[in-house]
């Protein structure tokens, strides 16, 4: 996931997914420093 702008390091980022007929669900997230990550149980 490529970001525009020079303030990328100030953002916390996440990945989500959506299958047909289902709601968008959380997959993984990372803090702006990269030091903290977390995952959905289904992908851990």
ModelCIF file with pLDDT and N, C-alpha, C, O atoms, coordinates in Angstrom:
data_MODEL
#
_entry.id   MODEL 
#
_entity.id                         1 
_entity.type                       polymer 
_entity.pdbx_number_of_molecules   1 
#
_entity_poly.entity_id                      1 
_entity_poly.type                           'polypeptide(L)' 
_entity_poly.nstd_linkage                   no 
_entity_poly.nstd_monomer                   no 
_entity_poly.pdbx_seq_one_letter_code       
;(UNK)(UNK)(UNK)(UNK)(UNK)(UNK)(UNK)(UNK)(UNK)(UNK)(UNK)(UNK)(UNK)(UNK)(UNK)(UNK)
(UNK)(UNK)(UNK)(UNK)(UNK)(UNK)(UNK)(UNK)(UNK)(UNK)(UNK)(UNK)(UNK)(UNK)(UNK)(UNK)
(UNK)(UNK)(UNK)(UNK)(UNK)(UNK)(UNK)(UNK)(UNK)(UNK)(UNK)(UNK)
;
_entity_poly.pdbx_seq_one_letter_code_can   XXXXXXXXXXXXXXXXXXXXXXXXXXXXXXXXXXXXXXXXXXXX 
_entity_poly.pdbx_strand_id                 A 
#
loop_
_entity_poly_seq.entity_id 
_entity_poly_seq.num 
_entity_poly_seq.mon_id 
_entity_poly_seq.hetero 
1 1  UNK n 
1 2  UNK n 
1 3  UNK n 
1 4  UNK n 
1 5  UNK n 
1 6  UNK n 
1 7  UNK n 
1 8  UNK n 
1 9  UNK n 
1 10 UNK n 
1 11 UNK n 
1 12 UNK n 
1 13 UNK n 
1 14 UNK n 
1 15 UNK n 
1 16 UNK n 
1 17 UNK n 
1 18 UNK n 
1 19 UNK n 
1 20 UNK n 
1 21 UNK n 
1 22 UNK n 
1 23 UNK n 
1 24 UNK n 
1 25 UNK n 
1 26 UNK n 
1 27 UNK n 
1 28 UNK n 
1 29 UNK n 
1 30 UNK n 
1 31 UNK n 
1 32 UNK n 
1 33 UNK n 
1 34 UNK n 
1 35 UNK n 
1 36 UNK n 
1 37 UNK n 
1 38 UNK n 
1 39 UNK n 
1 40 UNK n 
1 41 UNK n 
1 42 UNK n 
1 43 UNK n 
1 44 UNK n 
#
_struct_asym.id          A 
_struct_asym.entity_id   1 
#
loop_
_ma_qa_metric.id 
_ma_qa_metric.mode 
_ma_qa_metric.name 
_ma_qa_metric.software_group_id 
_ma_qa_metric.type 
1 global pLDDT . pLDDT 
2 local  pLDDT . pLDDT 
#
_ma_qa_metric_global.metric_id      1 
_ma_qa_metric_global.metric_value   94.48 
_ma_qa_metric_global.model_id       1 
_ma_qa_metric_global.ordinal_id     1 
#
loop_
_ma_qa_metric_local.label_asym_id 
_ma_qa_metric_local.label_comp_id 
_ma_qa_metric_local.label_seq_id 
_ma_qa_metric_local.metric_id 
_ma_qa_metric_local.metric_value 
_ma_qa_metric_local.model_id 
_ma_qa_metric_local.ordinal_id 
A UNK 1  2 98.00 1 1  
A UNK 2  2 96.00 1 2  
A UNK 3  2 95.00 1 3  
A UNK 4  2 91.00 1 4  
A UNK 5  2 72.00 1 5  
A UNK 6  2 69.00 1 6  
A UNK 7  2 87.00 1 7  
A UNK 8  2 89.00 1 8  
A UNK 9  2 88.00 1 9  
A UNK 10 2 90.00 1 10 
A UNK 11 2 94.00 1 11 
A UNK 12 2 96.00 1 12 
A UNK 13 2 97.00 1 13 
A UNK 14 2 98.00 1 14 
A UNK 15 2 98.00 1 15 
A UNK 16 2 98.00 1 16 
A UNK 17 2 98.00 1 17 
A UNK 18 2 98.00 1 18 
A UNK 19 2 97.00 1 19 
A UNK 20 2 93.00 1 20 
A UNK 21 2 95.00 1 21 
A UNK 22 2 97.00 1 22 
A UNK 23 2 97.00 1 23 
A UNK 24 2 97.00 1 24 
A UNK 25 2 97.00 1 25 
A UNK 26 2 98.00 1 26 
A UNK 27 2 98.00 1 27 
A UNK 28 2 98.00 1 28 
A UNK 29 2 98.00 1 29 
A UNK 30 2 97.00 1 30 
A UNK 31 2 96.00 1 31 
A UNK 32 2 93.00 1 32 
A UNK 33 2 90.00 1 33 
A UNK 34 2 93.00 1 34 
A UNK 35 2 94.00 1 35 
A UNK 36 2 96.00 1 36 
A UNK 37 2 97.00 1 37 
A UNK 38 2 97.00 1 38 
A UNK 39 2 98.00 1 39 
A UNK 40 2 98.00 1 40 
A UNK 41 2 98.00 1 41 
A UNK 42 2 97.00 1 42 
A UNK 43 2 98.00 1 43 
A UNK 44 2 98.00 1 44 
#
loop_
_atom_site.group_PDB 
_atom_site.id 
_atom_site.type_symbol 
_atom_site.label_atom_id 
_atom_site.label_alt_id 
_atom_site.label_comp_id 
_atom_site.label_asym_id 
_atom_site.label_entity_id 
_atom_site.label_seq_id 
_atom_site.pdbx_PDB_ins_code 
_atom_site.Cartn_x 
_atom_site.Cartn_y 
_atom_site.Cartn_z 
_atom_site.occupancy 
_atom_site.B_iso_or_equiv 
_atom_site.pdbx_formal_charge 
_atom_site.auth_seq_id 
_atom_site.auth_comp_id 
_atom_site.auth_asym_id 
_atom_site.auth_atom_id 
_atom_site.pdbx_PDB_model_num 
ATOM 1   N N  . UNK A 1 1  ? 0.867   -1.172  0.000  1.00 98.00 ? 1  UNK A N  1 
ATOM 2   C CA . UNK A 1 1  ? 0.000   0.000   0.000  1.00 98.00 ? 1  UNK A CA 1 
ATOM 3   C C  . UNK A 1 1  ? 0.904   1.222   0.000  1.00 98.00 ? 1  UNK A C  1 
ATOM 4   O O  . UNK A 1 1  ? 1.546   1.536   1.002  1.00 98.00 ? 1  UNK A O  1 
ATOM 5   N N  . UNK A 1 2  ? 0.944   1.900   -1.127 1.00 96.00 ? 2  UNK A N  1 
ATOM 6   C CA . UNK A 1 2  ? 1.782   3.082   -1.269 1.00 96.00 ? 2  UNK A CA 1 
ATOM 7   C C  . UNK A 1 2  ? 0.979   4.329   -0.934 1.00 96.00 ? 2  UNK A C  1 
ATOM 8   O O  . UNK A 1 2  ? -0.158  4.492   -1.377 1.00 96.00 ? 2  UNK A O  1 
ATOM 9   N N  . UNK A 1 3  ? 1.583   5.196   -0.155 1.00 95.00 ? 3  UNK A N  1 
ATOM 10  C CA . UNK A 1 3  ? 0.902   6.410   0.277  1.00 95.00 ? 3  UNK A CA 1 
ATOM 11  C C  . UNK A 1 3  ? 1.513   7.633   -0.388 1.00 95.00 ? 3  UNK A C  1 
ATOM 12  O O  . UNK A 1 3  ? 2.708   7.676   -0.681 1.00 95.00 ? 3  UNK A O  1 
ATOM 13  N N  . UNK A 1 4  ? 0.680   8.603   -0.613 1.00 91.00 ? 4  UNK A N  1 
ATOM 14  C CA . UNK A 1 4  ? 1.165   9.894   -1.107 1.00 91.00 ? 4  UNK A CA 1 
ATOM 15  C C  . UNK A 1 4  ? 1.479   10.788  0.079  1.00 91.00 ? 4  UNK A C  1 
ATOM 16  O O  . UNK A 1 4  ? 1.054   10.521  1.203  1.00 91.00 ? 4  UNK A O  1 
ATOM 17  N N  . UNK A 1 5  ? 2.216   11.833  -0.178 1.00 72.00 ? 5  UNK A N  1 
ATOM 18  C CA . UNK A 1 5  ? 2.457   12.805  0.879  1.00 72.00 ? 5  UNK A CA 1 
ATOM 19  C C  . UNK A 1 5  ? 3.663   12.478  1.723  1.00 72.00 ? 5  UNK A C  1 
ATOM 20  O O  . UNK A 1 5  ? 4.156   11.350  1.727  1.00 72.00 ? 5  UNK A O  1 
ATOM 21  N N  . UNK A 1 6  ? 4.133   13.486  2.441  1.00 69.00 ? 6  UNK A N  1 
ATOM 22  C CA . UNK A 1 6  ? 5.347   13.342  3.226  1.00 69.00 ? 6  UNK A CA 1 
ATOM 23  C C  . UNK A 1 6  ? 5.065   13.135  4.699  1.00 69.00 ? 6  UNK A C  1 
ATOM 24  O O  . UNK A 1 6  ? 5.981   13.169  5.521  1.00 69.00 ? 6  UNK A O  1 
ATOM 25  N N  . UNK A 1 7  ? 3.769   12.914  5.046  1.00 87.00 ? 7  UNK A N  1 
ATOM 26  C CA . UNK A 1 7  ? 3.419   12.749  6.451  1.00 87.00 ? 7  UNK A CA 1 
ATOM 27  C C  . UNK A 1 7  ? 3.050   11.310  6.774  1.00 87.00 ? 7  UNK A C  1 
ATOM 28  O O  . UNK A 1 7  ? 2.390   11.051  7.781  1.00 87.00 ? 7  UNK A O  1 
ATOM 29  N N  . UNK A 1 8  ? 3.464   10.383  5.942  1.00 89.00 ? 8  UNK A N  1 
ATOM 30  C CA . UNK A 1 8  ? 3.088   8.976   6.116  1.00 89.00 ? 8  UNK A CA 1 
ATOM 31  C C  . UNK A 1 8  ? 3.454   8.479   7.496  1.00 89.00 ? 8  UNK A C  1 
ATOM 32  O O  . UNK A 1 8  ? 2.691   7.717   8.090  1.00 89.00 ? 8  UNK A O  1 
ATOM 33  N N  . UNK A 1 9  ? 4.584   8.878   8.022  1.00 88.00 ? 9  UNK A N  1 
ATOM 34  C CA . UNK A 1 9  ? 5.039   8.367   9.314  1.00 88.00 ? 9  UNK A CA 1 
ATOM 35  C C  . UNK A 1 9  ? 4.165   8.835   10.474 1.00 88.00 ? 9  UNK A C  1 
ATOM 36  O O  . UNK A 1 9  ? 4.319   8.339   11.591 1.00 88.00 ? 9  UNK A O  1 
ATOM 37  N N  . UNK A 1 10 ? 3.273   9.754   10.244 1.00 90.00 ? 10 UNK A N  1 
ATOM 38  C CA . UNK A 1 10 ? 2.381   10.216  11.301 1.00 90.00 ? 10 UNK A CA 1 
ATOM 39  C C  . UNK A 1 10 ? 1.092   9.406   11.375 1.00 90.00 ? 10 UNK A C  1 
ATOM 40  O O  . UNK A 1 10 ? 0.278   9.627   12.272 1.00 90.00 ? 10 UNK A O  1 
ATOM 41  N N  . UNK A 1 11 ? 0.896   8.482   10.456 1.00 94.00 ? 11 UNK A N  1 
ATOM 42  C CA . UNK A 1 11 ? -0.345  7.715   10.390 1.00 94.00 ? 11 UNK A CA 1 
ATOM 43  C C  . UNK A 1 11 ? -0.167  6.304   10.936 1.00 94.00 ? 11 UNK A C  1 
ATOM 44  O O  . UNK A 1 11 ? 0.835   5.637   10.677 1.00 94.00 ? 11 UNK A O  1 
ATOM 45  N N  . UNK A 1 12 ? -1.159  5.873   11.691 1.00 96.00 ? 12 UNK A N  1 
ATOM 46  C CA . UNK A 1 12 ? -1.310  4.454   11.980 1.00 96.00 ? 12 UNK A CA 1 
ATOM 47  C C  . UNK A 1 12 ? -2.013  3.821   10.775 1.00 96.00 ? 12 UNK A C  1 
ATOM 48  O O  . UNK A 1 12 ? -2.870  4.443   10.148 1.00 96.00 ? 12 UNK A O  1 
ATOM 49  N N  . UNK A 1 13 ? -1.643  2.585   10.464 1.00 97.00 ? 13 UNK A N  1 
ATOM 50  C CA . UNK A 1 13 ? -2.138  1.942   9.247  1.00 97.00 ? 13 UNK A CA 1 
ATOM 51  C C  . UNK A 1 13 ? -2.831  0.627   9.573  1.00 97.00 ? 13 UNK A C  1 
ATOM 52  O O  . UNK A 1 13 ? -2.533  -0.025  10.574 1.00 97.00 ? 13 UNK A O  1 
ATOM 53  N N  . UNK A 1 14 ? -3.757  0.258   8.705  1.00 98.00 ? 14 UNK A N  1 
ATOM 54  C CA . UNK A 1 14 ? -4.444  -1.006  8.894  1.00 98.00 ? 14 UNK A CA 1 
ATOM 55  C C  . UNK A 1 14 ? -4.766  -1.663  7.567  1.00 98.00 ? 14 UNK A C  1 
ATOM 56  O O  . UNK A 1 14 ? -4.836  -1.005  6.529  1.00 98.00 ? 14 UNK A O  1 
ATOM 57  N N  . UNK A 1 15 ? -4.961  -2.965  7.618  1.00 98.00 ? 15 UNK A N  1 
ATOM 58  C CA . UNK A 1 15 ? -5.466  -3.741  6.477  1.00 98.00 ? 15 UNK A CA 1 
ATOM 59  C C  . UNK A 1 15 ? -6.821  -4.334  6.873  1.00 98.00 ? 15 UNK A C  1 
ATOM 60  O O  . UNK A 1 15 ? -7.001  -4.847  7.977  1.00 98.00 ? 15 UNK A O  1 
ATOM 61  N N  . UNK A 1 16 ? -7.750  -4.246  5.948  1.00 98.00 ? 16 UNK A N  1 
ATOM 62  C CA . UNK A 1 16 ? -9.073  -4.829  6.109  1.00 98.00 ? 16 UNK A CA 1 
ATOM 63  C C  . UNK A 1 16 ? -9.381  -5.647  4.863  1.00 98.00 ? 16 UNK A C  1 
ATOM 64  O O  . UNK A 1 16 ? -8.695  -5.527  3.847  1.00 98.00 ? 16 UNK A O  1 
ATOM 65  N N  . UNK A 1 17 ? -10.405 -6.472  4.943  1.00 98.00 ? 17 UNK A N  1 
ATOM 66  C CA . UNK A 1 17 ? -10.834 -7.221  3.769  1.00 98.00 ? 17 UNK A CA 1 
ATOM 67  C C  . UNK A 1 17 ? -12.349 -7.355  3.760  1.00 98.00 ? 17 UNK A C  1 
ATOM 68  O O  . UNK A 1 17 ? -13.013 -7.280  4.793  1.00 98.00 ? 17 UNK A O  1 
ATOM 69  N N  . UNK A 1 18 ? -12.866 -7.553  2.562  1.00 98.00 ? 18 UNK A N  1 
ATOM 70  C CA . UNK A 1 18 ? -14.310 -7.707  2.407  1.00 98.00 ? 18 UNK A CA 1 
ATOM 71  C C  . UNK A 1 18 ? -14.587 -8.753  1.334  1.00 98.00 ? 18 UNK A C  1 
ATOM 72  O O  . UNK A 1 18 ? -14.215 -8.592  0.171  1.00 98.00 ? 18 UNK A O  1 
ATOM 73  N N  . UNK A 1 19 ? -15.240 -9.813  1.749  1.00 97.00 ? 19 UNK A N  1 
ATOM 74  C CA . UNK A 1 19 ? -15.658 -10.859 0.829  1.00 97.00 ? 19 UNK A CA 1 
ATOM 75  C C  . UNK A 1 19 ? -17.064 -10.548 0.338  1.00 97.00 ? 19 UNK A C  1 
ATOM 76  O O  . UNK A 1 19 ? -17.801 -9.822  1.005  1.00 97.00 ? 19 UNK A O  1 
ATOM 77  N N  . UNK A 1 20 ? -17.446 -11.083 -0.813 1.00 93.00 ? 20 UNK A N  1 
ATOM 78  C CA . UNK A 1 20 ? -18.786 -10.818 -1.344 1.00 93.00 ? 20 UNK A CA 1 
ATOM 79  C C  . UNK A 1 20 ? -19.876 -11.195 -0.350 1.00 93.00 ? 20 UNK A C  1 
ATOM 80  O O  . UNK A 1 20 ? -19.874 -12.294 0.204  1.00 93.00 ? 20 UNK A O  1 
ATOM 81  N N  . UNK A 1 21 ? -20.803 -10.276 -0.133 1.00 95.00 ? 21 UNK A N  1 
ATOM 82  C CA . UNK A 1 21 ? -21.917 -10.544 0.758  1.00 95.00 ? 21 UNK A CA 1 
ATOM 83  C C  . UNK A 1 21 ? -21.600 -10.431 2.235  1.00 95.00 ? 21 UNK A C  1 
ATOM 84  O O  . UNK A 1 21 ? -22.451 -10.698 3.084  1.00 95.00 ? 21 UNK A O  1 
ATOM 85  N N  . UNK A 1 22 ? -20.363 -10.031 2.544  1.00 97.00 ? 22 UNK A N  1 
ATOM 86  C CA . UNK A 1 22 ? -19.966 -9.919  3.955  1.00 97.00 ? 22 UNK A CA 1 
ATOM 87  C C  . UNK A 1 22 ? -19.528 -8.496  4.269  1.00 97.00 ? 22 UNK A C  1 
ATOM 88  O O  . UNK A 1 22 ? -19.234 -7.703  3.374  1.00 97.00 ? 22 UNK A O  1 
ATOM 89  N N  . UNK A 1 23 ? -19.492 -8.195  5.558  1.00 97.00 ? 23 UNK A N  1 
ATOM 90  C CA . UNK A 1 23 ? -19.022 -6.892  5.981  1.00 97.00 ? 23 UNK A CA 1 
ATOM 91  C C  . UNK A 1 23 ? -17.497 -6.813  5.925  1.00 97.00 ? 23 UNK A C  1 
ATOM 92  O O  . UNK A 1 23 ? -16.799 -7.826  5.969  1.00 97.00 ? 23 UNK A O  1 
ATOM 93  N N  . UNK A 1 24 ? -17.009 -5.588  5.827  1.00 97.00 ? 24 UNK A N  1 
ATOM 94  C CA . UNK A 1 24 ? -15.568 -5.389  5.851  1.00 97.00 ? 24 UNK A CA 1 
ATOM 95  C C  . UNK A 1 24 ? -15.041 -5.766  7.235  1.00 97.00 ? 24 UNK A C  1 
ATOM 96  O O  . UNK A 1 24 ? -15.605 -5.366  8.253  1.00 97.00 ? 24 UNK A O  1 
ATOM 97  N N  . UNK A 1 25 ? -13.966 -6.530  7.261  1.00 97.00 ? 25 UNK A N  1 
ATOM 98  C CA . UNK A 1 25 ? -13.436 -6.998  8.542  1.00 97.00 ? 25 UNK A CA 1 
ATOM 99  C C  . UNK A 1 25 ? -11.970 -6.640  8.702  1.00 97.00 ? 25 UNK A C  1 
ATOM 100 O O  . UNK A 1 25 ? -11.222 -6.509  7.733  1.00 97.00 ? 25 UNK A O  1 
ATOM 101 N N  . UNK A 1 26 ? -11.596 -6.490  9.947  1.00 98.00 ? 26 UNK A N  1 
ATOM 102 C CA . UNK A 1 26 ? -10.224 -6.164  10.308 1.00 98.00 ? 26 UNK A CA 1 
ATOM 103 C C  . UNK A 1 26 ? -9.296  -7.343  10.026 1.00 98.00 ? 26 UNK A C  1 
ATOM 104 O O  . UNK A 1 26 ? -9.652  -8.499  10.256 1.00 98.00 ? 26 UNK A O  1 
ATOM 105 N N  . UNK A 1 27 ? -8.107  -7.033  9.528  1.00 98.00 ? 27 UNK A N  1 
ATOM 106 C CA . UNK A 1 27 ? -7.090  -8.062  9.282  1.00 98.00 ? 27 UNK A CA 1 
ATOM 107 C C  . UNK A 1 27 ? -5.852  -7.820  10.153 1.00 98.00 ? 27 UNK A C  1 
ATOM 108 O O  . UNK A 1 27 ? -5.429  -8.700  10.902 1.00 98.00 ? 27 UNK A O  1 
ATOM 109 N N  . UNK A 1 28 ? -5.280  -6.615  10.042 1.00 98.00 ? 28 UNK A N  1 
ATOM 110 C CA . UNK A 1 28 ? -4.052  -6.327  10.783 1.00 98.00 ? 28 UNK A CA 1 
ATOM 111 C C  . UNK A 1 28 ? -3.879  -4.817  10.881 1.00 98.00 ? 28 UNK A C  1 
ATOM 112 O O  . UNK A 1 28 ? -4.428  -4.063  10.077 1.00 98.00 ? 28 UNK A O  1 
ATOM 113 N N  . UNK A 1 29 ? -3.108  -4.386  11.877 1.00 98.00 ? 29 UNK A N  1 
ATOM 114 C CA . UNK A 1 29 ? -2.838  -2.960  12.051 1.00 98.00 ? 29 UNK A CA 1 
ATOM 115 C C  . UNK A 1 29 ? -1.435  -2.768  12.586 1.00 98.00 ? 29 UNK A C  1 
ATOM 116 O O  . UNK A 1 29 ? -0.863  -3.658  13.217 1.00 98.00 ? 29 UNK A O  1 
ATOM 117 N N  . UNK A 1 30 ? -0.888  -1.583  12.322 1.00 97.00 ? 30 UNK A N  1 
ATOM 118 C CA . UNK A 1 30 ? 0.462   -1.261  12.767 1.00 97.00 ? 30 UNK A CA 1 
ATOM 119 C C  . UNK A 1 30 ? 0.486   0.200   13.216 1.00 97.00 ? 30 UNK A C  1 
ATOM 120 O O  . UNK A 1 30 ? -0.145  1.064   12.607 1.00 97.00 ? 30 UNK A O  1 
ATOM 121 N N  . UNK A 1 31 ? 1.222   0.451   14.287 1.00 96.00 ? 31 UNK A N  1 
ATOM 122 C CA . UNK A 1 31 ? 1.329   1.815   14.802 1.00 96.00 ? 31 UNK A CA 1 
ATOM 123 C C  . UNK A 1 31 ? 2.184   2.670   13.885 1.00 96.00 ? 31 UNK A C  1 
ATOM 124 O O  . UNK A 1 31 ? 2.849   2.152   12.987 1.00 96.00 ? 31 UNK A O  1 
ATOM 125 N N  . UNK A 1 32 ? 2.169   3.962   14.104 1.00 93.00 ? 32 UNK A N  1 
ATOM 126 C CA . UNK A 1 32 ? 2.887   4.849   13.190 1.00 93.00 ? 32 UNK A CA 1 
ATOM 127 C C  . UNK A 1 32 ? 4.391   4.649   13.271 1.00 93.00 ? 32 UNK A C  1 
ATOM 128 O O  . UNK A 1 32 ? 5.101   4.889   12.294 1.00 93.00 ? 32 UNK A O  1 
ATOM 129 N N  . UNK A 1 33 ? 4.882   4.215   14.417 1.00 90.00 ? 33 UNK A N  1 
ATOM 130 C CA . UNK A 1 33 ? 6.316   3.938   14.535 1.00 90.00 ? 33 UNK A CA 1 
ATOM 131 C C  . UNK A 1 33 ? 6.684   2.548   14.035 1.00 90.00 ? 33 UNK A C  1 
ATOM 132 O O  . UNK A 1 33 ? 7.854   2.256   13.788 1.00 90.00 ? 33 UNK A O  1 
ATOM 133 N N  . UNK A 1 34 ? 5.674   1.692   13.889 1.00 93.00 ? 34 UNK A N  1 
ATOM 134 C CA . UNK A 1 34 ? 5.923   0.310   13.496 1.00 93.00 ? 34 UNK A CA 1 
ATOM 135 C C  . UNK A 1 34 ? 6.201   -0.609  14.661 1.00 93.00 ? 34 UNK A C  1 
ATOM 136 O O  . UNK A 1 34 ? 6.372   -1.814  14.476 1.00 93.00 ? 34 UNK A O  1 
ATOM 137 N N  . UNK A 1 35 ? 6.250   -0.062  15.854 1.00 94.00 ? 35 UNK A N  1 
ATOM 138 C CA . UNK A 1 35 ? 6.609   -0.867  17.008 1.00 94.00 ? 35 UNK A CA 1 
ATOM 139 C C  . UNK A 1 35 ? 5.501   -1.720  17.573 1.00 94.00 ? 35 UNK A C  1 
ATOM 140 O O  . UNK A 1 35 ? 5.760   -2.647  18.340 1.00 94.00 ? 35 UNK A O  1 
ATOM 141 N N  . UNK A 1 36 ? 4.273   -1.423  17.209 1.00 96.00 ? 36 UNK A N  1 
ATOM 142 C CA . UNK A 1 36 ? 3.121   -2.186  17.690 1.00 96.00 ? 36 UNK A CA 1 
ATOM 143 C C  . UNK A 1 36 ? 2.340   -2.727  16.506 1.00 96.00 ? 36 UNK A C  1 
ATOM 144 O O  . UNK A 1 36 ? 2.014   -1.992  15.574 1.00 96.00 ? 36 UNK A O  1 
ATOM 145 N N  . UNK A 1 37 ? 2.045   -4.015  16.550 1.00 97.00 ? 37 UNK A N  1 
ATOM 146 C CA . UNK A 1 37 ? 1.216   -4.637  15.522 1.00 97.00 ? 37 UNK A CA 1 
ATOM 147 C C  . UNK A 1 37 ? 0.153   -5.492  16.194 1.00 97.00 ? 37 UNK A C  1 
ATOM 148 O O  . UNK A 1 37 ? 0.320   -5.926  17.334 1.00 97.00 ? 37 UNK A O  1 
ATOM 149 N N  . UNK A 1 38 ? -0.932  -5.729  15.485 1.00 97.00 ? 38 UNK A N  1 
ATOM 150 C CA . UNK A 1 38 ? -1.991  -6.590  15.992 1.00 97.00 ? 38 UNK A CA 1 
ATOM 151 C C  . UNK A 1 38 ? -2.699  -7.238  14.817 1.00 97.00 ? 38 UNK A C  1 
ATOM 152 O O  . UNK A 1 38 ? -2.716  -6.698  13.711 1.00 97.00 ? 38 UNK A O  1 
ATOM 153 N N  . UNK A 1 39 ? -3.288  -8.406  15.070 1.00 98.00 ? 39 UNK A N  1 
ATOM 154 C CA . UNK A 1 39 ? -3.865  -9.212  13.996 1.00 98.00 ? 39 UNK A CA 1 
ATOM 155 C C  . UNK A 1 39 ? -5.211  -9.790  14.409 1.00 98.00 ? 39 UNK A C  1 
ATOM 156 O O  . UNK A 1 39 ? -5.479  -10.016 15.589 1.00 98.00 ? 39 UNK A O  1 
ATOM 157 N N  . UNK A 1 40 ? -6.044  -10.019 13.412 1.00 98.00 ? 40 UNK A N  1 
ATOM 158 C CA . UNK A 1 40 ? -7.251  -10.801 13.641 1.00 98.00 ? 40 UNK A CA 1 
ATOM 159 C C  . UNK A 1 40 ? -6.846  -12.240 13.949 1.00 98.00 ? 40 UNK A C  1 
ATOM 160 O O  . UNK A 1 40 ? -5.836  -12.733 13.447 1.00 98.00 ? 40 UNK A O  1 
ATOM 161 N N  . UNK A 1 41 ? -7.635  -12.896 14.769 1.00 98.00 ? 41 UNK A N  1 
ATOM 162 C CA . UNK A 1 41 ? -7.313  -14.283 15.136 1.00 98.00 ? 41 UNK A CA 1 
ATOM 163 C C  . UNK A 1 41 ? -7.230  -15.187 13.910 1.00 98.00 ? 41 UNK A C  1 
ATOM 164 O O  . UNK A 1 41 ? -6.443  -16.134 13.883 1.00 98.00 ? 41 UNK A O  1 
ATOM 165 N N  . UNK A 1 42 ? -8.035  -14.896 12.905 1.00 97.00 ? 42 UNK A N  1 
ATOM 166 C CA . UNK A 1 42 ? -8.110  -15.760 11.721 1.00 97.00 ? 42 UNK A CA 1 
ATOM 167 C C  . UNK A 1 42 ? -6.829  -15.742 10.888 1.00 97.00 ? 42 UNK A C  1 
ATOM 168 O O  . UNK A 1 42 ? -6.602  -16.643 10.081 1.00 97.00 ? 42 UNK A O  1 
ATOM 169 N N  . UNK A 1 43 ? -5.985  -14.716 11.080 1.00 98.00 ? 43 UNK A N  1 
ATOM 170 C CA . UNK A 1 43 ? -4.766  -14.605 10.266 1.00 98.00 ? 43 UNK A CA 1 
ATOM 171 C C  . UNK A 1 43 ? -3.498  -14.663 11.110 1.00 98.00 ? 43 UNK A C  1 
ATOM 172 O O  . UNK A 1 43 ? -2.392  -14.688 10.570 1.00 98.00 ? 43 UNK A O  1 
ATOM 173 N N  . UNK A 1 44 ? -3.651  -14.686 12.414 1.00 98.00 ? 44 UNK A N  1 
ATOM 174 C CA . UNK A 1 44 ? -2.490  -14.676 13.307 1.00 98.00 ? 44 UNK A CA 1 
ATOM 175 C C  . UNK A 1 44 ? -1.601  -15.875 13.024 1.00 98.00 ? 44 UNK A C  1 
ATOM 176 O O  . UNK A 1 44 ? -0.570  -16.045 13.674 1.00 98.00 ? 44 UNK A O  1 
#
